[in-house]
Amino acid sequence: MSDNPIQPEIRAFIDAVTESGQIWALSAGDDWVVVDSAEFEETDALPLFSSEAGAKAICQDEWAEYVPTAIPVAEFFDSWLESLSEDQVVVGIDWDPSLEGVEIDPFELAKLMADKEV
């Protein structure tokens, strides 16, 4: 494991998705919610959630047409990581309904998850 302490929000996210085997995001058909990063200039962020309930809390107002969609952890590793990295998209971890919270590089998240032995 890394010598750097893991933020509590990231640790809780990793623990939850390790247990459930799923990561949640918001989709409407083939569209996924992607927003401007609050931490990194000219960077997009994909909100990810450790639970369906957390994702559903965002599905209001301008996001009402979106629904929580489960992504198996293995699929996230196999299909999503490279694409997110190529597009220079960070991921938002268990954001609150105002879309605020921790942001992390998807490969850093994957490394932390692998260290946890997902």
N, C-alpha and C. Protein backbone atom coordinates (compact mmCIF):
# COMPACT_ATOMS: atom_id res chain seq x y z
N MET A 1 0.84 -1.18 0.00
CA MET A 1 0.00 0.00 0.00
C MET A 1 0.89 1.24 0.00
N SER A 2 0.37 2.32 -0.51
CA SER A 2 1.10 3.58 -0.60
C SER A 2 1.38 4.14 0.79
N ASP A 3 2.49 4.92 0.90
CA ASP A 3 2.81 5.57 2.16
C ASP A 3 1.90 6.77 2.41
N ASN A 4 1.26 7.28 1.35
CA ASN A 4 0.37 8.42 1.50
C ASN A 4 -0.94 7.95 2.12
N PRO A 5 -1.44 8.70 3.11
CA PRO A 5 -2.72 8.30 3.69
C PRO A 5 -3.85 8.49 2.67
N ILE A 6 -4.78 7.56 2.69
CA ILE A 6 -5.93 7.63 1.79
C ILE A 6 -7.00 8.47 2.46
N GLN A 7 -7.59 9.40 1.69
CA GLN A 7 -8.66 10.21 2.23
C GLN A 7 -9.80 9.31 2.69
N PRO A 8 -10.45 9.65 3.81
CA PRO A 8 -11.52 8.79 4.34
C PRO A 8 -12.63 8.51 3.32
N GLU A 9 -12.98 9.50 2.50
CA GLU A 9 -14.04 9.30 1.51
C GLU A 9 -13.63 8.25 0.47
N ILE A 10 -12.36 8.27 0.10
CA ILE A 10 -11.88 7.30 -0.88
C ILE A 10 -11.81 5.91 -0.26
N ARG A 11 -11.34 5.83 0.98
CA ARG A 11 -11.29 4.55 1.68
C ARG A 11 -12.69 3.95 1.81
N ALA A 12 -13.67 4.76 2.20
CA ALA A 12 -15.04 4.27 2.35
C ALA A 12 -15.59 3.79 1.01
N PHE A 13 -15.31 4.54 -0.06
CA PHE A 13 -15.74 4.15 -1.40
C PHE A 13 -15.15 2.80 -1.78
N ILE A 14 -13.85 2.65 -1.60
CA ILE A 14 -13.16 1.40 -1.95
C ILE A 14 -13.72 0.23 -1.14
N ASP A 15 -13.91 0.44 0.15
CA ASP A 15 -14.47 -0.63 0.99
C ASP A 15 -15.85 -1.05 0.49
N ALA A 16 -16.69 -0.08 0.15
CA ALA A 16 -18.06 -0.39 -0.29
C ALA A 16 -18.07 -1.11 -1.64
N VAL A 17 -17.28 -0.63 -2.60
CA VAL A 17 -17.31 -1.28 -3.92
C VAL A 17 -16.60 -2.63 -3.89
N THR A 18 -15.65 -2.78 -2.99
CA THR A 18 -15.01 -4.09 -2.81
C THR A 18 -16.04 -5.10 -2.34
N GLU A 19 -16.87 -4.67 -1.41
CA GLU A 19 -17.89 -5.57 -0.86
C GLU A 19 -18.99 -5.87 -1.88
N SER A 20 -19.46 -4.84 -2.60
CA SER A 20 -20.59 -5.03 -3.51
C SER A 20 -20.18 -5.53 -4.90
N GLY A 21 -18.94 -5.23 -5.30
CA GLY A 21 -18.48 -5.59 -6.64
C GLY A 21 -19.01 -4.68 -7.73
N GLN A 22 -19.62 -3.54 -7.32
CA GLN A 22 -20.21 -2.62 -8.29
C GLN A 22 -19.83 -1.17 -7.99
N ILE A 23 -19.71 -0.40 -9.05
CA ILE A 23 -19.56 1.05 -8.97
C ILE A 23 -20.79 1.62 -9.66
N TRP A 24 -21.31 2.70 -9.14
CA TRP A 24 -22.52 3.31 -9.72
C TRP A 24 -22.18 4.64 -10.39
N ALA A 25 -22.79 4.87 -11.54
CA ALA A 25 -22.68 6.14 -12.26
C ALA A 25 -24.08 6.50 -12.73
N LEU A 26 -24.22 7.66 -13.35
CA LEU A 26 -25.53 8.12 -13.82
C LEU A 26 -25.56 8.11 -15.34
N SER A 27 -26.59 7.47 -15.89
CA SER A 27 -26.70 7.40 -17.35
C SER A 27 -28.12 7.70 -17.80
N ALA A 28 -28.22 8.12 -19.05
CA ALA A 28 -29.49 8.28 -19.75
C ALA A 28 -29.23 7.73 -21.14
N GLY A 29 -29.65 6.50 -21.36
CA GLY A 29 -29.32 5.85 -22.63
C GLY A 29 -27.83 5.63 -22.72
N ASP A 30 -27.21 6.14 -23.79
CA ASP A 30 -25.76 6.01 -23.96
C ASP A 30 -24.99 7.17 -23.36
N ASP A 31 -25.69 8.13 -22.76
CA ASP A 31 -25.04 9.31 -22.18
C ASP A 31 -24.76 9.09 -20.70
N TRP A 32 -23.60 9.54 -20.26
CA TRP A 32 -23.21 9.47 -18.86
C TRP A 32 -23.01 10.88 -18.34
N VAL A 33 -23.34 11.11 -17.08
CA VAL A 33 -23.11 12.42 -16.48
C VAL A 33 -21.61 12.66 -16.36
N VAL A 34 -21.15 13.71 -17.00
CA VAL A 34 -19.77 14.19 -16.89
C VAL A 34 -19.87 15.69 -16.70
N VAL A 35 -19.17 16.21 -15.71
CA VAL A 35 -19.23 17.64 -15.39
C VAL A 35 -17.82 18.23 -15.36
N ASP A 36 -17.75 19.54 -15.28
CA ASP A 36 -16.45 20.20 -15.14
C ASP A 36 -15.86 19.88 -13.77
N SER A 37 -14.60 19.57 -13.75
CA SER A 37 -13.90 19.32 -12.49
C SER A 37 -13.83 20.61 -11.69
N ALA A 38 -14.03 20.50 -10.38
CA ALA A 38 -13.89 21.66 -9.51
C ALA A 38 -12.43 21.85 -9.09
N GLU A 39 -11.62 20.81 -9.23
CA GLU A 39 -10.24 20.85 -8.76
C GLU A 39 -9.21 21.07 -9.86
N PHE A 40 -9.52 20.64 -11.09
CA PHE A 40 -8.55 20.67 -12.17
C PHE A 40 -9.09 21.47 -13.34
N GLU A 41 -8.32 22.48 -13.78
CA GLU A 41 -8.77 23.33 -14.89
C GLU A 41 -8.88 22.54 -16.19
N GLU A 42 -9.88 22.88 -16.97
CA GLU A 42 -10.11 22.29 -18.28
C GLU A 42 -10.10 20.76 -18.25
N THR A 43 -10.71 20.22 -17.20
CA THR A 43 -10.78 18.78 -17.01
C THR A 43 -12.22 18.40 -16.68
N ASP A 44 -12.67 17.29 -17.25
CA ASP A 44 -13.99 16.77 -16.93
C ASP A 44 -13.89 15.79 -15.78
N ALA A 45 -15.02 15.61 -15.09
CA ALA A 45 -15.09 14.66 -13.98
C ALA A 45 -16.33 13.78 -14.16
N LEU A 46 -16.14 12.49 -13.96
CA LEU A 46 -17.22 11.52 -14.00
C LEU A 46 -17.57 11.17 -12.56
N PRO A 47 -18.77 11.55 -12.09
CA PRO A 47 -19.16 11.18 -10.73
C PRO A 47 -19.39 9.67 -10.62
N LEU A 48 -18.77 9.06 -9.62
CA LEU A 48 -18.96 7.65 -9.33
C LEU A 48 -19.44 7.51 -7.89
N PHE A 49 -20.24 6.48 -7.66
CA PHE A 49 -20.85 6.29 -6.35
C PHE A 49 -20.66 4.86 -5.89
N SER A 50 -20.61 4.69 -4.57
CA SER A 50 -20.45 3.36 -4.00
C SER A 50 -21.79 2.67 -3.79
N SER A 51 -22.89 3.42 -3.95
CA SER A 51 -24.21 2.83 -3.75
C SER A 51 -25.22 3.42 -4.73
N GLU A 52 -26.25 2.64 -4.98
CA GLU A 52 -27.34 3.13 -5.83
C GLU A 52 -28.02 4.33 -5.19
N ALA A 53 -28.19 4.29 -3.87
CA ALA A 53 -28.85 5.39 -3.16
C ALA A 53 -28.06 6.69 -3.30
N GLY A 54 -26.74 6.61 -3.20
CA GLY A 54 -25.91 7.80 -3.37
C GLY A 54 -26.04 8.38 -4.76
N ALA A 55 -26.06 7.51 -5.76
CA ALA A 55 -26.22 7.97 -7.14
C ALA A 55 -27.61 8.56 -7.36
N LYS A 56 -28.62 7.91 -6.79
CA LYS A 56 -30.00 8.36 -6.98
C LYS A 56 -30.23 9.75 -6.39
N ALA A 57 -29.50 10.09 -5.33
CA ALA A 57 -29.66 11.40 -4.69
C ALA A 57 -29.32 12.54 -5.64
N ILE A 58 -28.52 12.26 -6.67
CA ILE A 58 -28.13 13.28 -7.64
C ILE A 58 -29.18 13.45 -8.74
N CYS A 59 -30.04 12.46 -8.91
CA CYS A 59 -30.99 12.43 -10.04
C CYS A 59 -32.19 13.34 -9.80
N GLN A 60 -31.93 14.62 -9.74
CA GLN A 60 -32.98 15.61 -9.56
C GLN A 60 -32.63 16.85 -10.37
N ASP A 61 -33.60 17.73 -10.51
CA ASP A 61 -33.41 18.96 -11.28
C ASP A 61 -32.84 18.66 -12.66
N GLU A 62 -31.68 19.24 -13.00
CA GLU A 62 -31.14 19.05 -14.35
C GLU A 62 -30.68 17.62 -14.62
N TRP A 63 -30.56 16.80 -13.59
CA TRP A 63 -30.12 15.41 -13.74
C TRP A 63 -31.29 14.43 -13.60
N ALA A 64 -32.52 14.93 -13.60
CA ALA A 64 -33.69 14.07 -13.37
C ALA A 64 -33.86 12.98 -14.44
N GLU A 65 -33.38 13.22 -15.65
CA GLU A 65 -33.53 12.23 -16.71
C GLU A 65 -32.52 11.08 -16.58
N TYR A 66 -31.54 11.23 -15.71
CA TYR A 66 -30.52 10.20 -15.54
C TYR A 66 -30.93 9.20 -14.46
N VAL A 67 -30.42 7.98 -14.59
CA VAL A 67 -30.72 6.93 -13.61
C VAL A 67 -29.41 6.31 -13.13
N PRO A 68 -29.40 5.84 -11.87
CA PRO A 68 -28.23 5.13 -11.39
C PRO A 68 -28.01 3.86 -12.21
N THR A 69 -26.78 3.64 -12.63
CA THR A 69 -26.44 2.49 -13.45
C THR A 69 -25.21 1.81 -12.85
N ALA A 70 -25.34 0.50 -12.60
CA ALA A 70 -24.24 -0.25 -12.00
C ALA A 70 -23.19 -0.60 -13.05
N ILE A 71 -21.94 -0.47 -12.65
CA ILE A 71 -20.80 -0.89 -13.47
C ILE A 71 -20.04 -1.93 -12.64
N PRO A 72 -19.97 -3.17 -13.11
CA PRO A 72 -19.17 -4.15 -12.36
C PRO A 72 -17.72 -3.66 -12.23
N VAL A 73 -17.13 -3.89 -11.07
CA VAL A 73 -15.76 -3.43 -10.84
C VAL A 73 -14.81 -3.96 -11.91
N ALA A 74 -14.96 -5.22 -12.29
CA ALA A 74 -14.09 -5.80 -13.33
C ALA A 74 -14.24 -5.05 -14.64
N GLU A 75 -15.46 -4.65 -14.99
CA GLU A 75 -15.68 -3.88 -16.22
C GLU A 75 -15.04 -2.50 -16.12
N PHE A 76 -15.11 -1.90 -14.94
CA PHE A 76 -14.46 -0.60 -14.74
C PHE A 76 -12.97 -0.72 -15.04
N PHE A 77 -12.34 -1.76 -14.50
CA PHE A 77 -10.91 -1.98 -14.75
C PHE A 77 -10.64 -2.27 -16.23
N ASP A 78 -11.45 -3.16 -16.81
CA ASP A 78 -11.18 -3.65 -18.17
C ASP A 78 -11.57 -2.66 -19.27
N SER A 79 -12.67 -1.94 -19.09
CA SER A 79 -13.22 -1.13 -20.18
C SER A 79 -13.18 0.38 -19.96
N TRP A 80 -13.25 0.81 -18.73
CA TRP A 80 -13.40 2.24 -18.47
C TRP A 80 -12.09 2.98 -18.25
N LEU A 81 -11.15 2.36 -17.55
CA LEU A 81 -9.93 3.06 -17.14
C LEU A 81 -9.17 3.70 -18.29
N GLU A 82 -8.88 2.93 -19.30
CA GLU A 82 -8.09 3.45 -20.42
C GLU A 82 -8.80 4.62 -21.10
N SER A 83 -10.10 4.48 -21.31
CA SER A 83 -10.87 5.54 -21.96
C SER A 83 -10.88 6.82 -21.12
N LEU A 84 -11.10 6.68 -19.81
CA LEU A 84 -11.09 7.85 -18.94
C LEU A 84 -9.73 8.54 -18.97
N SER A 85 -8.67 7.75 -18.94
CA SER A 85 -7.33 8.31 -18.97
C SER A 85 -7.04 9.01 -20.29
N GLU A 86 -7.40 8.36 -21.40
CA GLU A 86 -7.18 8.96 -22.72
C GLU A 86 -7.92 10.29 -22.86
N ASP A 87 -9.12 10.35 -22.28
CA ASP A 87 -9.92 11.57 -22.35
C ASP A 87 -9.58 12.57 -21.25
N GLN A 88 -8.61 12.23 -20.42
CA GLN A 88 -8.17 13.07 -19.30
C GLN A 88 -9.34 13.45 -18.39
N VAL A 89 -10.12 12.44 -18.03
CA VAL A 89 -11.27 12.62 -17.14
C VAL A 89 -10.88 12.09 -15.76
N VAL A 90 -11.15 12.89 -14.73
CA VAL A 90 -10.98 12.42 -13.36
C VAL A 90 -12.31 11.85 -12.89
N VAL A 91 -12.30 11.18 -11.75
CA VAL A 91 -13.55 10.66 -11.21
C VAL A 91 -13.85 11.35 -9.88
N GLY A 92 -15.14 11.62 -9.68
CA GLY A 92 -15.62 12.18 -8.43
C GLY A 92 -16.15 11.05 -7.57
N ILE A 93 -15.76 11.03 -6.32
CA ILE A 93 -16.09 9.92 -5.43
C ILE A 93 -17.22 10.30 -4.49
N ASP A 94 -18.35 9.58 -4.60
CA ASP A 94 -19.49 9.73 -3.70
C ASP A 94 -19.83 11.20 -3.43
N TRP A 95 -20.00 11.95 -4.51
CA TRP A 95 -20.33 13.37 -4.36
C TRP A 95 -21.69 13.56 -3.71
N ASP A 96 -21.86 14.72 -3.10
CA ASP A 96 -23.15 15.07 -2.52
C ASP A 96 -24.07 15.61 -3.62
N PRO A 97 -25.35 15.88 -3.29
CA PRO A 97 -26.29 16.34 -4.33
C PRO A 97 -25.90 17.64 -5.03
N SER A 98 -25.00 18.42 -4.44
CA SER A 98 -24.54 19.64 -5.13
C SER A 98 -23.31 19.35 -5.99
N LEU A 99 -23.02 18.05 -6.19
CA LEU A 99 -21.89 17.58 -7.01
C LEU A 99 -20.56 18.10 -6.48
N GLU A 100 -20.40 18.03 -5.17
CA GLU A 100 -19.14 18.41 -4.55
C GLU A 100 -18.58 17.22 -3.80
N GLY A 101 -17.26 17.13 -3.82
CA GLY A 101 -16.59 16.06 -3.10
C GLY A 101 -15.21 15.82 -3.65
N VAL A 102 -14.66 14.68 -3.32
CA VAL A 102 -13.29 14.31 -3.67
C VAL A 102 -13.20 13.94 -5.15
N GLU A 103 -12.11 14.38 -5.79
CA GLU A 103 -11.80 13.99 -7.17
C GLU A 103 -10.45 13.29 -7.17
N ILE A 104 -10.32 12.29 -8.04
CA ILE A 104 -9.08 11.51 -8.10
C ILE A 104 -8.86 11.02 -9.53
N ASP A 105 -7.62 10.88 -9.91
CA ASP A 105 -7.28 10.29 -11.20
C ASP A 105 -7.77 8.84 -11.21
N PRO A 106 -8.40 8.40 -12.29
CA PRO A 106 -8.96 7.04 -12.30
C PRO A 106 -7.91 5.95 -12.12
N PHE A 107 -6.69 6.15 -12.63
CA PHE A 107 -5.65 5.13 -12.43
C PHE A 107 -5.17 5.09 -10.99
N GLU A 108 -5.15 6.24 -10.32
CA GLU A 108 -4.80 6.26 -8.90
C GLU A 108 -5.87 5.51 -8.10
N LEU A 109 -7.14 5.74 -8.43
CA LEU A 109 -8.21 5.01 -7.77
C LEU A 109 -8.06 3.51 -8.02
N ALA A 110 -7.79 3.13 -9.26
CA ALA A 110 -7.64 1.72 -9.60
C ALA A 110 -6.47 1.09 -8.83
N LYS A 111 -5.37 1.84 -8.69
CA LYS A 111 -4.23 1.33 -7.94
C LYS A 111 -4.61 1.09 -6.49
N LEU A 112 -5.31 2.05 -5.90
CA LEU A 112 -5.75 1.89 -4.51
C LEU A 112 -6.71 0.71 -4.36
N MET A 113 -7.59 0.54 -5.35
CA MET A 113 -8.52 -0.59 -5.32
C MET A 113 -7.77 -1.91 -5.47
N ALA A 114 -6.78 -1.95 -6.36
CA ALA A 114 -6.00 -3.17 -6.55
C ALA A 114 -5.21 -3.51 -5.29
N ASP A 115 -4.70 -2.47 -4.63
CA ASP A 115 -3.98 -2.69 -3.37
C ASP A 115 -4.91 -3.29 -2.31
N LYS A 116 -6.18 -2.97 -2.42
CA LYS A 116 -7.20 -3.50 -1.51
C LYS A 116 -7.60 -4.91 -1.92
N GLU A 117 -7.15 -5.34 -3.11
CA GLU A 117 -7.44 -6.66 -3.68
C GLU A 117 -8.92 -6.83 -4.00
N VAL A 118 -9.43 -5.91 -4.80
CA VAL A 118 -10.83 -6.00 -5.25
C VAL A 118 -10.98 -7.23 -6.11
